[in-house]
Amino acid sequence: MNNTKIRKGENMGEIGIGVIGCGGMGRNIVNRVLALSPRVKVRAICDPDARSIAKALEKWAPAPRVYEDHRELSAASDVDWVMIASWNCFHREQTIAALEAGKHVFCQKPLATTLDDCAAMLAAWRQSGRMFNIGFTLRYSPHYRRIKQLLDEGAVGQIVSMEFNETIGFNHGGYIMGDWRRLRQYAGTHLLEKCCHDVDLVNWMVGSRARRVASFGGLDFFKPENLRHMDRIGPDKNGRPAYQTWPGLVRLNPFTSDKDIVDNQVAILEYENGVRATFHTNCNAGLPERRMYILGTEGALRADLGEGAIQVQRIGFDTQCEDISTETDAKGHGGGDAVLSQELVDSMLEGKPPSVGMEEGARSAVTCFAIDDAMDQGRVIDVGPYWTRTGL
């Protein structure tokens, strides 16, 4: 849906941005945008963490104004775009304030942590006429765009069923379990915070909405009784303990920290167009993967983001497996960070509507909410009422 209204003169001269949330994720996307166009300028920043503010001021010149209240930042007359990279629980308040101030918005994923928040954000965006871009970087990855192209071209015929996963390396898992993301009140569930990318990809590939979902999961590894595994593995070459080597600030011990998210989960999804899918995530993987296996009426497609691998084989007696692998940038979300940044600059300077926006963010979040409710309640969930309540 194109909900964009461009104000006269907005695509001329400099574009001012205000940044809410100046941690690593926020600085990364802003730095990429600034490197692509000298016309984009950081006018204002807001973050409760003085260390994040200091790092932002070191990098962005001339020095932007520092605000304590995000609403004052959004109201600033020289800010055209508000870029939000705060904790997930604040996305609703900050996004709606920016839209109501007449600003375009980029917001990191996930969209929000509750169904009501998603509904309110969707309504505010539809009313605003502003552009909204969500940070689903994998949607921009050449790897996944190639897969989508192959599916649209009929490489496997009509999709019947598929598997997808995101299994996470042990130090990455330790980072999550010692960080603010370990608590639902701030981040939402693990599926929502970490795997909403993957759910969005499948929604996109399948081209439909989830109709019914079921799920099982639990916190089975990152518990105090498994603390011995830190000693079993030992420190890295720099003397840092296992499970605590992720870049950034020193965090809580992932085994003894208080937390209310799962460290492993499986899910089954049935879509309105009849496609069925299974999903698996685990936060302590010896062989981390982001993989898809898609089966259709005329063939199959198998893909792995980490290796850039894409294989397609048509069903038949004399068919051959075709290798259509792509180059991939594992540190840049399969090359998605670079493409997202360029498209974001195109939106800022030329008014180009975002490829992925509010409705895609809401569909992913709603699907995650239903899956997690199925897990928490121990039953199959009909997703229909969720779509109605959200306004999708």
Protein backbone atom coordinates (compact mmCIF):
# COMPACT_ATOMS: atom_id res chain seq x y z
CA MET A 1 0.00 0.00 0.00
CA ASN A 2 1.40 3.41 -1.00
CA ASN A 3 0.44 5.81 1.76
CA THR A 4 2.97 8.48 0.83
CA LYS A 5 2.44 12.21 0.52
CA ILE A 6 5.53 14.27 -0.28
CA ARG A 7 5.55 17.87 0.86
CA LYS A 8 6.59 20.50 -1.68
CA GLY A 9 10.36 20.97 -1.64
CA GLU A 10 10.92 17.96 0.58
CA ASN A 11 13.00 16.18 -2.06
CA MET A 12 15.25 19.20 -2.60
CA GLY A 13 18.27 20.36 -0.61
CA GLU A 14 19.30 18.74 2.65
CA ILE A 15 17.28 16.14 4.53
CA GLY A 16 17.40 16.37 8.30
CA ILE A 17 17.09 13.25 10.41
CA GLY A 18 16.47 12.78 14.10
CA VAL A 19 17.71 9.60 15.75
CA ILE A 20 15.92 8.02 18.71
CA GLY A 21 18.13 5.26 20.10
CA CYS A 22 21.86 5.74 19.45
CA GLY A 23 23.08 2.25 20.33
CA GLY A 24 24.93 -0.01 17.92
CA MET A 25 21.94 -0.80 15.70
CA GLY A 26 20.94 2.84 15.43
CA ARG A 27 24.44 4.09 14.69
CA ASN A 28 25.02 1.37 12.09
CA ILE A 29 22.07 2.25 9.87
CA VAL A 30 22.62 6.00 10.27
CA ASN A 31 26.32 5.69 9.41
CA ARG A 32 25.43 3.76 6.26
CA VAL A 33 22.88 6.37 5.21
CA LEU A 34 25.28 9.26 5.84
CA ALA A 35 27.98 7.55 3.77
CA LEU A 36 25.62 7.36 0.79
CA SER A 37 24.62 11.02 0.58
CA PRO A 38 26.11 14.28 1.87
CA ARG A 39 22.60 15.77 1.65
CA VAL A 40 21.44 13.75 4.66
CA LYS A 41 22.31 15.40 7.98
CA VAL A 42 21.76 14.30 11.58
CA ARG A 43 20.01 17.24 13.23
CA ALA A 44 18.94 15.75 16.55
CA ILE A 45 19.49 12.70 18.75
CA CYS A 46 17.78 11.21 21.79
CA ASP A 47 18.88 8.35 24.04
CA PRO A 48 18.74 7.84 27.83
CA ASP A 49 22.21 6.24 27.81
CA ALA A 50 24.96 8.88 28.03
CA ARG A 51 27.49 6.43 26.57
CA SER A 52 25.44 6.00 23.41
CA ILE A 53 25.02 9.76 23.10
CA ALA A 54 28.79 10.24 23.46
CA LYS A 55 29.54 7.69 20.73
CA ALA A 56 27.04 9.34 18.40
CA LEU A 57 28.51 12.79 18.98
CA GLU A 58 31.99 11.45 18.21
CA LYS A 59 30.83 10.21 14.82
CA TRP A 60 28.27 12.70 13.55
CA ALA A 61 29.37 16.22 12.65
CA PRO A 62 28.40 18.95 12.94
CA ALA A 63 27.23 17.97 16.40
CA PRO A 64 23.47 17.35 16.47
CA ARG A 65 21.25 18.71 19.21
CA VAL A 66 20.63 16.33 22.11
CA TYR A 67 17.06 15.90 23.36
CA GLU A 68 15.82 14.20 26.51
CA ASP A 69 12.22 14.03 25.21
CA HIS A 70 11.65 12.19 21.92
CA ARG A 71 8.51 14.25 21.28
CA GLU A 72 10.53 17.46 21.17
CA LEU A 73 12.91 15.83 18.69
CA SER A 74 10.02 14.81 16.44
CA ALA A 75 8.55 18.31 16.62
CA ALA A 76 11.78 19.99 15.46
CA SER A 77 11.20 21.91 12.22
CA ASP A 78 14.51 20.85 10.64
CA VAL A 79 13.85 17.12 11.11
CA ASP A 80 12.25 15.43 8.09
CA TRP A 81 12.81 11.78 9.04
CA VAL A 82 12.80 10.18 12.48
CA MET A 83 14.92 7.03 12.76
CA ILE A 84 13.93 4.83 15.71
CA ALA A 85 16.30 2.21 17.12
CA SER A 86 15.12 2.13 20.72
CA TRP A 87 13.97 -0.83 22.80
CA ASN A 88 11.01 -2.55 21.16
CA CYS A 89 8.55 -1.64 23.90
CA PHE A 90 8.92 2.07 23.04
CA HIS A 91 8.25 1.78 19.30
CA ARG A 92 4.53 2.55 19.54
CA GLU A 93 4.87 5.78 21.50
CA GLN A 94 7.81 7.09 19.50
CA THR A 95 6.48 6.13 16.07
CA ILE A 96 3.04 7.63 16.63
CA ALA A 97 4.55 10.86 18.00
CA ALA A 98 6.75 11.19 14.91
CA LEU A 99 3.90 10.46 12.48
CA GLU A 100 1.60 12.92 14.25
CA ALA A 101 4.37 15.53 13.96
CA GLY A 102 4.28 15.00 10.19
CA LYS A 103 7.59 13.15 9.95
CA HIS A 104 8.55 10.12 7.89
CA VAL A 105 9.75 7.21 10.01
CA PHE A 106 12.30 4.43 9.85
CA CYS A 107 11.87 1.96 12.72
CA GLN A 108 13.97 -1.05 13.59
CA LYS A 109 12.22 -4.40 13.85
CA PRO A 110 10.01 -5.71 15.35
CA LEU A 111 7.16 -3.29 14.85
CA ALA A 112 5.91 -3.48 18.45
CA THR A 113 5.52 -5.88 21.37
CA THR A 114 1.71 -6.13 21.62
CA LEU A 115 -1.23 -6.55 19.28
CA ASP A 116 -2.83 -3.32 20.47
CA ASP A 117 0.40 -1.40 19.84
CA CYS A 118 0.54 -2.71 16.27
CA ALA A 119 -3.09 -1.73 15.68
CA ALA A 120 -2.50 1.79 17.00
CA MET A 121 0.64 2.26 14.89
CA LEU A 122 -1.08 0.99 11.76
CA ALA A 123 -4.00 3.38 12.28
CA ALA A 124 -1.69 6.34 12.94
CA TRP A 125 0.34 5.62 9.81
CA ARG A 126 -2.74 5.33 7.61
CA GLN A 127 -3.96 8.66 8.95
CA SER A 128 -0.61 10.42 8.57
CA GLY A 129 0.16 10.06 4.86
CA ARG A 130 3.84 9.73 5.77
CA MET A 131 6.37 7.11 4.69
CA PHE A 132 7.24 4.32 7.10
CA ASN A 133 10.14 1.92 6.61
CA ILE A 134 10.81 -1.04 8.91
CA GLY A 135 14.25 -2.57 9.35
CA PHE A 136 13.56 -6.00 7.84
CA THR A 137 17.05 -6.15 6.37
CA LEU A 138 16.74 -9.71 5.09
CA ARG A 139 13.97 -8.59 2.71
CA TYR A 140 16.62 -6.50 0.97
CA SER A 141 19.24 -9.26 0.80
CA PRO A 142 20.10 -10.23 -2.81
CA HIS A 143 20.01 -13.84 -1.59
CA TYR A 144 16.36 -13.74 -0.56
CA ARG A 145 15.34 -11.50 -3.44
CA ARG A 146 16.75 -14.11 -5.81
CA ILE A 147 14.77 -16.84 -4.05
CA LYS A 148 11.59 -14.79 -4.33
CA GLN A 149 12.27 -14.17 -8.02
CA LEU A 150 12.75 -17.90 -8.65
CA LEU A 151 9.50 -18.74 -6.86
CA ASP A 152 7.59 -16.06 -8.78
CA GLU A 153 9.01 -17.46 -12.03
CA GLY A 154 7.61 -20.89 -11.16
CA ALA A 155 10.86 -22.66 -10.28
CA VAL A 156 9.03 -25.11 -8.00
CA GLY A 157 5.50 -24.68 -9.35
CA GLN A 158 2.93 -23.92 -6.69
CA ILE A 159 4.35 -23.97 -3.15
CA VAL A 160 2.87 -26.79 -1.08
CA SER A 161 5.01 -26.89 2.07
CA MET A 162 8.29 -25.58 3.45
CA GLU A 163 10.76 -25.65 6.33
CA PHE A 164 12.71 -22.66 7.64
CA ASN A 165 14.95 -22.04 10.62
CA GLU A 166 17.21 -19.67 12.49
CA THR A 167 19.60 -21.50 14.78
CA ILE A 168 22.01 -19.18 16.58
CA GLY A 169 25.65 -19.66 17.57
CA PHE A 170 26.39 -20.10 21.27
CA ASN A 171 27.98 -16.68 21.83
CA HIS A 172 25.13 -14.95 20.03
CA GLY A 173 22.70 -16.89 22.21
CA GLY A 174 24.64 -15.90 25.32
CA TYR A 175 24.43 -12.25 24.27
CA ILE A 176 20.64 -12.44 23.98
CA MET A 177 20.25 -14.17 27.34
CA GLY A 178 22.37 -11.57 29.12
CA ASP A 179 20.98 -8.51 27.35
CA TRP A 180 17.72 -6.52 27.70
CA ARG A 181 16.32 -8.79 24.99
CA ARG A 182 15.97 -11.55 27.60
CA LEU A 183 12.86 -9.88 29.07
CA ARG A 184 9.48 -9.82 27.31
CA GLN A 185 8.47 -6.51 28.88
CA TYR A 186 11.23 -4.75 26.93
CA ALA A 187 11.77 -6.85 23.80
CA GLY A 188 8.75 -9.08 23.43
CA THR A 189 9.29 -12.80 22.96
CA HIS A 190 12.40 -14.35 21.45
CA LEU A 191 10.45 -15.26 18.31
CA LEU A 192 9.26 -11.68 17.91
CA GLU A 193 12.58 -9.98 18.68
CA LYS A 194 14.97 -12.28 16.85
CA CYS A 195 12.95 -14.30 14.33
CA CYS A 196 10.44 -11.74 13.04
CA HIS A 197 12.81 -11.41 10.05
CA ASP A 198 12.28 -15.06 9.21
CA VAL A 199 8.52 -14.96 9.70
CA ASP A 200 8.35 -11.92 7.42
CA LEU A 201 10.36 -13.73 4.75
CA VAL A 202 7.98 -16.69 4.75
CA ASN A 203 4.91 -14.44 4.69
CA TRP A 204 6.47 -12.81 1.62
CA MET A 205 7.50 -16.05 -0.10
CA VAL A 206 4.12 -17.69 0.48
CA GLY A 207 2.14 -14.58 -0.42
CA SER A 208 -0.57 -15.19 2.14
CA ARG A 209 -1.49 -14.78 5.81
CA ALA A 210 -1.27 -17.43 8.51
CA ARG A 211 -4.62 -19.08 9.24
CA ARG A 212 -3.72 -21.50 12.05
CA VAL A 213 -0.56 -21.96 14.12
CA ALA A 214 0.80 -24.26 16.82
CA SER A 215 4.06 -24.12 18.75
CA PHE A 216 6.19 -25.69 21.47
CA GLY A 217 9.22 -24.21 23.18
CA GLY A 218 11.04 -23.67 26.44
CA LEU A 219 14.04 -22.38 28.36
CA ASP A 220 16.04 -25.60 28.54
CA PHE A 221 19.71 -24.67 28.25
CA PHE A 222 20.42 -21.19 29.61
CA LYS A 223 19.74 -22.16 33.23
CA PRO A 224 22.00 -22.09 36.33
CA GLU A 225 22.50 -25.87 36.30
CA ASN A 226 24.18 -25.58 32.90
CA LEU A 227 26.72 -22.97 34.00
CA ARG A 228 29.39 -25.68 33.79
CA HIS A 229 29.41 -25.36 30.01
CA MET A 230 31.26 -22.06 30.30
CA ASP A 231 34.13 -23.91 32.01
CA ARG A 232 33.85 -26.86 29.63
CA ILE A 233 34.47 -24.60 26.63
CA GLY A 234 36.87 -22.24 28.39
CA PRO A 235 37.81 -18.67 27.44
CA ASP A 236 38.56 -17.42 23.95
CA LYS A 237 42.04 -16.31 22.83
CA ASN A 238 41.46 -12.90 24.43
CA GLY A 239 40.54 -14.40 27.79
CA ARG A 240 36.83 -13.70 27.53
CA PRO A 241 34.53 -16.40 28.93
CA ALA A 242 32.48 -18.57 26.59
CA TYR A 243 28.97 -17.28 25.90
CA GLN A 244 30.10 -13.71 26.69
CA THR A 245 32.27 -12.68 23.75
CA TRP A 246 29.67 -10.78 21.72
CA PRO A 247 30.86 -7.22 20.92
CA GLY A 248 29.64 -4.38 23.08
CA LEU A 249 29.04 -3.79 26.74
CA VAL A 250 29.63 -6.43 29.40
CA ARG A 251 26.29 -8.11 30.06
CA LEU A 252 24.81 -10.40 32.69
CA ASN A 253 25.82 -14.04 32.90
CA PRO A 254 23.42 -15.71 30.44
CA PHE A 255 22.95 -18.78 32.65
CA THR A 256 22.14 -17.00 35.92
CA SER A 257 20.35 -13.91 34.60
CA ASP A 258 16.63 -13.48 35.19
CA LYS A 259 14.75 -14.06 31.94
CA ASP A 260 11.33 -15.03 30.63
CA ILE A 261 12.03 -15.94 27.00
CA VAL A 262 12.67 -19.36 25.48
CA ASP A 263 15.99 -20.59 24.12
CA ASN A 264 14.43 -23.07 21.70
CA GLN A 265 11.12 -23.20 19.87
CA VAL A 266 9.37 -25.01 17.04
CA ALA A 267 6.23 -23.91 15.22
CA ILE A 268 3.78 -25.12 12.59
CA LEU A 269 1.96 -22.64 10.36
CA GLU A 270 -0.93 -23.16 7.95
CA TYR A 271 -1.56 -20.28 5.55
CA GLU A 272 -4.85 -19.11 4.09
CA ASN A 273 -3.75 -20.28 0.63
CA GLY A 274 -3.11 -23.80 1.94
CA VAL A 275 0.69 -23.68 2.25
CA ARG A 276 2.07 -25.31 5.40
CA ALA A 277 5.39 -24.45 7.03
CA THR A 278 7.53 -25.52 9.98
CA PHE A 279 9.99 -23.31 11.87
CA HIS A 280 12.81 -24.07 14.32
CA THR A 281 14.99 -21.76 16.40
CA ASN A 282 17.65 -22.59 19.00
CA CYS A 283 20.04 -20.25 20.83
CA ASN A 284 22.88 -22.74 21.38
CA ALA A 285 23.69 -24.09 17.93
CA GLY A 286 26.93 -25.85 17.12
CA LEU A 287 26.08 -25.38 13.44
CA PRO A 288 24.26 -22.03 13.12
CA GLU A 289 21.92 -21.85 10.12
CA ARG A 290 19.39 -19.68 8.37
CA ARG A 291 17.95 -22.16 5.94
CA MET A 292 14.87 -22.71 3.76
CA TYR A 293 13.59 -25.85 2.07
CA ILE A 294 10.60 -25.18 -0.18
CA LEU A 295 8.61 -27.97 -1.85
CA GLY A 296 6.24 -27.27 -4.72
CA THR A 297 4.10 -29.09 -7.25
CA GLU A 298 6.90 -29.09 -9.85
CA GLY A 299 10.16 -28.98 -7.90
CA ALA A 300 12.07 -28.03 -4.77
CA LEU A 301 14.34 -25.19 -3.64
CA ARG A 302 16.93 -25.43 -0.87
CA ALA A 303 18.79 -22.37 0.42
CA ASP A 304 21.25 -21.40 3.16
CA LEU A 305 21.98 -17.72 3.83
CA GLY A 306 25.30 -18.35 5.57
CA GLU A 307 26.76 -19.98 2.48
CA GLY A 308 24.72 -18.05 -0.07
CA ALA A 309 23.59 -21.44 -1.37
CA ILE A 310 20.49 -21.81 -3.54
CA GLN A 311 19.72 -25.13 -5.22
CA VAL A 312 16.71 -25.88 -7.40
CA GLN A 313 15.64 -29.21 -8.83
CA ARG A 314 12.61 -29.83 -10.98
CA ILE A 315 10.62 -33.03 -10.51
CA GLY A 316 11.24 -35.53 -13.32
CA PHE A 317 13.34 -38.48 -14.49
CA ASP A 318 16.24 -36.63 -16.11
CA THR A 319 16.33 -33.35 -14.20
CA GLN A 320 19.52 -31.99 -12.69
CA CYS A 321 20.03 -30.00 -9.51
CA GLU A 322 20.75 -26.42 -10.54
CA ASP A 323 23.11 -24.33 -8.41
CA ILE A 324 22.01 -20.68 -8.35
CA SER A 325 24.06 -19.61 -5.34
CA THR A 326 24.62 -15.94 -4.56
CA GLU A 327 27.44 -14.06 -2.88
CA THR A 328 26.50 -13.26 0.68
CA ASP A 329 27.68 -10.88 3.39
CA ALA A 330 27.08 -12.67 6.69
CA LYS A 331 27.93 -9.57 8.75
CA GLY A 332 25.55 -7.40 6.72
CA HIS A 333 22.48 -9.63 6.83
CA GLY A 334 23.28 -11.26 3.50
CA GLY A 335 23.96 -7.91 1.87
CA GLY A 336 20.60 -6.57 3.04
CA ASP A 337 22.06 -3.77 5.16
CA ALA A 338 23.65 -2.11 2.14
CA VAL A 339 20.55 -2.38 -0.06
CA LEU A 340 18.21 -1.20 2.71
CA SER A 341 20.42 1.83 3.32
CA GLN A 342 20.40 2.77 -0.36
CA GLU A 343 16.63 2.40 -0.65
CA LEU A 344 16.19 4.44 2.52
CA VAL A 345 18.28 7.24 0.99
CA ASP A 346 16.18 6.99 -2.18
CA SER A 347 13.05 7.45 -0.06
CA MET A 348 14.57 10.44 1.70
CA LEU A 349 15.88 12.22 -1.38
CA GLU A 350 13.45 11.16 -4.10
CA GLY A 351 10.28 10.20 -2.25
CA LYS A 352 10.50 6.58 -3.38
CA PRO A 353 8.01 4.48 -1.34
CA PRO A 354 9.72 1.90 0.91
CA SER A 355 9.78 -1.71 -0.29
CA VAL A 356 8.85 -2.93 3.19
CA GLY A 357 6.74 -0.90 5.54
CA MET A 358 4.08 -0.73 8.22
CA GLU A 359 1.76 -3.45 6.92
CA GLU A 360 4.59 -5.95 6.45
CA GLY A 361 5.85 -5.17 9.95
CA ALA A 362 2.38 -5.69 11.38
CA ARG A 363 1.83 -8.99 9.53
CA SER A 364 5.09 -10.41 10.86
CA ALA A 365 4.40 -9.26 14.42
CA VAL A 366 0.82 -10.56 14.43
CA THR A 367 1.99 -13.95 13.16
CA CYS A 368 4.58 -14.06 15.96
CA PHE A 369 1.98 -13.09 18.58
CA ALA A 370 -0.28 -15.94 17.48
CA ILE A 371 2.57 -18.48 17.46
CA ASP A 372 3.67 -17.48 20.95
CA ASP A 373 0.10 -17.57 22.26
CA ALA A 374 -0.16 -21.10 20.86
CA MET A 375 3.01 -22.04 22.74
CA ASP A 376 1.99 -20.35 25.99
CA GLN A 377 -1.58 -21.71 25.92
CA GLY A 378 -0.77 -25.18 24.60
CA ARG A 379 -3.32 -25.14 21.79
CA VAL A 380 -3.79 -24.49 18.09
CA ILE A 381 -4.56 -20.82 17.50
CA ASP A 382 -6.95 -19.46 14.86
CA VAL A 383 -5.21 -16.32 13.62
CA GLY A 384 -8.33 -14.77 12.03
CA PRO A 385 -9.36 -12.73 15.10
CA TYR A 386 -5.81 -11.34 15.35
CA TRP A 387 -6.02 -9.94 11.81
CA THR A 388 -9.41 -8.41 12.52
CA ARG A 389 -8.29 -6.83 15.77
CA THR A 390 -5.19 -5.32 14.15
CA GLY A 391 -7.06 -3.90 11.17
CA LEU A 392 -5.25 -5.92 8.51
